[in-house]
Amino acid sequence: SDAAQAYSRAKGDQFVQELFEMLRIPSLSGDPAHAGDIRRMAAWLDAHLPDTRRILSSPADRAQQTALALKRKFKTVDDLAPGASVAAILAAAGWPDSRDPVLIVGHQPTLGMVAAFLLSGDDAPWAVKKGAVWWLSNRQRGSGTAVALRVALGPDLV
């Protein structure tokens, strides 16, 4: 939008906002067989999450279990419940205007749709592997902004 581009131009180099838009462990979090996957991903996130981050979680039990595994303060947001829209996820995160990085603990297919929308502009049901972290950033590029995929990482690679 014009407002987002104006904001990006005004902030210049300061605008590199690191938004962890996606953390996908919901179907693994309740299964004891995948406890190691959850611990590994939580440890990776703990080592890489900035101190000035916000963590927002769906109210669904599986997402709550995942958020608790991070052992950091988080906020439950009803608008992130299963079936949430792309617009609801982006609004909850404050994208692209959030001053702090945001980690979303949510659900498929919505998280894949958010990734598709931000990275391609299309409404497409991209697959997000169970247990994966997708880290997206919004950066100023010339007179506009660009979304960058910084990390797409599954528990099998950690």
Protein backbone atom coordinates (compact mmCIF):
# COMPACT_ATOMS: atom_id res chain seq x y z
CA SER A 1 0.00 0.00 0.00
CA ASP A 2 1.03 3.63 -0.35
CA ALA A 3 1.07 4.07 3.43
CA ALA A 4 3.41 1.10 3.88
CA GLN A 5 5.75 2.37 1.17
CA ALA A 6 5.79 5.87 2.68
CA TYR A 7 6.56 4.39 6.09
CA SER A 8 9.37 2.29 4.60
CA ARG A 9 10.91 5.28 2.87
CA ALA A 10 10.70 7.37 6.04
CA LYS A 11 12.45 4.74 8.15
CA GLY A 12 15.27 4.02 5.67
CA ASP A 13 17.83 1.55 6.95
CA GLN A 14 16.04 1.30 10.29
CA PHE A 15 13.14 -0.46 8.59
CA VAL A 16 14.75 -3.89 8.45
CA GLN A 17 12.09 -5.60 10.50
CA GLU A 18 12.68 -9.21 11.26
CA LEU A 19 9.33 -10.89 11.43
CA PHE A 20 9.17 -14.57 12.23
CA GLU A 21 5.88 -14.98 10.36
CA MET A 22 5.69 -18.64 10.66
CA LEU A 23 6.36 -21.31 13.15
CA ARG A 24 4.69 -24.55 12.24
CA ILE A 25 4.81 -27.25 14.92
CA PRO A 26 1.14 -27.63 15.79
CA SER A 27 0.54 -31.22 14.73
CA LEU A 28 3.85 -32.33 16.24
CA SER A 29 3.53 -30.59 19.58
CA GLY A 30 0.96 -32.95 21.07
CA ASP A 31 2.70 -36.13 19.92
CA PRO A 32 5.31 -37.43 22.42
CA ALA A 33 7.12 -39.15 19.54
CA HIS A 34 8.06 -35.71 18.21
CA ALA A 35 9.18 -34.14 21.50
CA GLY A 36 12.77 -34.07 20.22
CA ASP A 37 11.70 -32.13 17.10
CA ILE A 38 9.96 -29.58 19.28
CA ARG A 39 12.94 -29.21 21.62
CA ARG A 40 15.36 -28.77 18.70
CA MET A 41 13.22 -26.14 16.99
CA ALA A 42 12.60 -24.32 20.28
CA ALA A 43 16.37 -24.30 20.96
CA TRP A 44 17.05 -22.95 17.44
CA LEU A 45 14.47 -20.22 17.91
CA ASP A 46 15.82 -19.37 21.36
CA ALA A 47 19.27 -18.87 19.87
CA HIS A 48 18.00 -16.72 16.99
CA LEU A 49 14.99 -14.77 18.26
CA PRO A 50 15.82 -11.13 18.95
CA ASP A 51 15.21 -9.93 22.49
CA THR A 52 12.73 -7.35 21.16
CA ARG A 53 10.33 -9.86 19.66
CA ARG A 54 6.65 -10.52 20.22
CA ILE A 55 5.29 -14.05 20.17
CA LEU A 56 1.64 -14.46 19.20
CA SER A 57 -0.13 -17.81 19.36
CA SER A 58 -3.38 -19.28 18.18
CA PRO A 59 -5.68 -20.31 21.04
CA ALA A 60 -5.75 -23.92 19.75
CA ASP A 61 -4.27 -26.45 22.18
CA ARG A 62 -1.55 -27.61 19.76
CA ALA A 63 -0.38 -24.06 19.11
CA GLN A 64 -0.41 -23.30 22.84
CA GLN A 65 1.77 -26.38 23.48
CA THR A 66 4.19 -25.18 20.81
CA ALA A 67 4.32 -21.66 22.25
CA LEU A 68 4.94 -23.06 25.74
CA ALA A 69 7.87 -25.11 24.38
CA LEU A 70 9.59 -21.81 23.52
CA LYS A 71 9.78 -20.98 27.25
CA ARG A 72 9.21 -17.30 26.52
CA LYS A 73 6.31 -14.98 27.23
CA PHE A 74 3.63 -15.10 24.51
CA LYS A 75 0.20 -13.67 23.87
CA THR A 76 -2.80 -15.75 22.80
CA VAL A 77 -4.65 -14.05 19.95
CA ASP A 78 -8.11 -15.35 19.04
CA ASP A 79 -7.73 -13.97 15.50
CA LEU A 80 -5.00 -16.60 14.88
CA ALA A 81 -7.35 -19.57 15.47
CA PRO A 82 -7.60 -22.33 12.85
CA GLY A 83 -9.27 -20.99 9.73
CA ALA A 84 -7.92 -17.45 10.23
CA SER A 85 -7.58 -15.33 7.11
CA VAL A 86 -4.33 -14.02 5.70
CA ALA A 87 -5.51 -10.49 6.52
CA ALA A 88 -6.16 -11.48 10.16
CA ILE A 89 -2.65 -12.94 10.52
CA LEU A 90 -1.02 -9.86 8.99
CA ALA A 91 -3.13 -7.51 11.12
CA ALA A 92 -2.25 -9.41 14.31
CA ALA A 93 1.45 -9.20 13.40
CA GLY A 94 1.17 -5.51 12.52
CA TRP A 95 2.71 -6.26 9.12
CA PRO A 96 4.50 -4.33 7.72
CA ASP A 97 4.53 -1.58 10.34
CA SER A 98 5.51 -3.50 13.49
CA ARG A 99 8.54 -2.01 15.20
CA ASP A 100 9.45 -5.35 16.75
CA PRO A 101 9.89 -8.75 15.14
CA VAL A 102 6.85 -10.99 15.51
CA LEU A 103 6.70 -14.78 15.77
CA ILE A 104 3.36 -16.31 14.81
CA VAL A 105 2.47 -19.78 16.15
CA GLY A 106 -0.36 -20.87 13.90
CA HIS A 107 -1.84 -23.37 11.48
CA GLN A 108 -1.86 -24.71 7.97
CA PRO A 109 -3.16 -23.92 5.44
CA THR A 110 -3.25 -20.29 6.62
CA LEU A 111 0.49 -19.97 7.28
CA GLY A 112 1.27 -21.28 3.79
CA MET A 113 -1.22 -18.79 2.34
CA VAL A 114 0.46 -15.95 4.27
CA ALA A 115 3.86 -16.99 2.89
CA ALA A 116 2.49 -17.18 -0.65
CA PHE A 117 0.82 -13.78 -0.36
CA LEU A 118 3.88 -12.03 1.08
CA LEU A 119 6.45 -13.66 -1.22
CA SER A 120 4.50 -13.84 -4.49
CA GLY A 121 1.41 -11.68 -4.09
CA ASP A 122 -0.78 -14.67 -4.92
CA ASP A 123 -3.49 -16.43 -2.96
CA ALA A 124 -1.99 -19.91 -3.06
CA PRO A 125 -1.97 -22.78 -0.57
CA TRP A 126 1.79 -23.22 -0.17
CA ALA A 127 2.81 -26.16 1.95
CA VAL A 128 4.66 -25.41 5.16
CA LYS A 129 6.36 -28.52 6.49
CA LYS A 130 5.27 -29.63 9.93
CA GLY A 131 7.65 -28.30 12.54
CA ALA A 132 9.21 -25.73 10.20
CA VAL A 133 10.14 -22.13 10.83
CA TRP A 134 9.76 -19.58 8.05
CA TRP A 135 11.40 -16.21 8.75
CA LEU A 136 10.29 -13.35 6.53
CA SER A 137 11.61 -9.79 6.55
CA ASN A 138 10.25 -6.62 5.03
CA ARG A 139 12.99 -4.36 3.70
CA GLN A 140 13.19 -1.11 1.84
CA ARG A 141 14.41 -1.52 -1.72
CA GLY A 142 14.76 1.70 -3.64
CA SER A 143 11.44 3.52 -3.54
CA GLY A 144 9.47 0.46 -2.41
CA THR A 145 9.62 -2.48 -0.10
CA ALA A 146 10.52 -6.11 -0.66
CA VAL A 147 9.73 -9.19 1.34
CA ALA A 148 12.70 -11.48 1.84
CA LEU A 149 12.71 -15.11 2.88
CA ARG A 150 15.52 -15.27 5.42
CA VAL A 151 15.08 -18.84 6.70
CA ALA A 152 12.92 -21.85 5.87
CA LEU A 153 14.03 -24.59 8.22
CA GLY A 154 12.53 -27.89 9.28
CA PRO A 155 13.31 -29.91 12.42
CA ASP A 156 15.09 -32.54 10.32
CA LEU A 157 17.79 -29.92 9.53
CA VAL A 158 18.38 -28.76 13.10
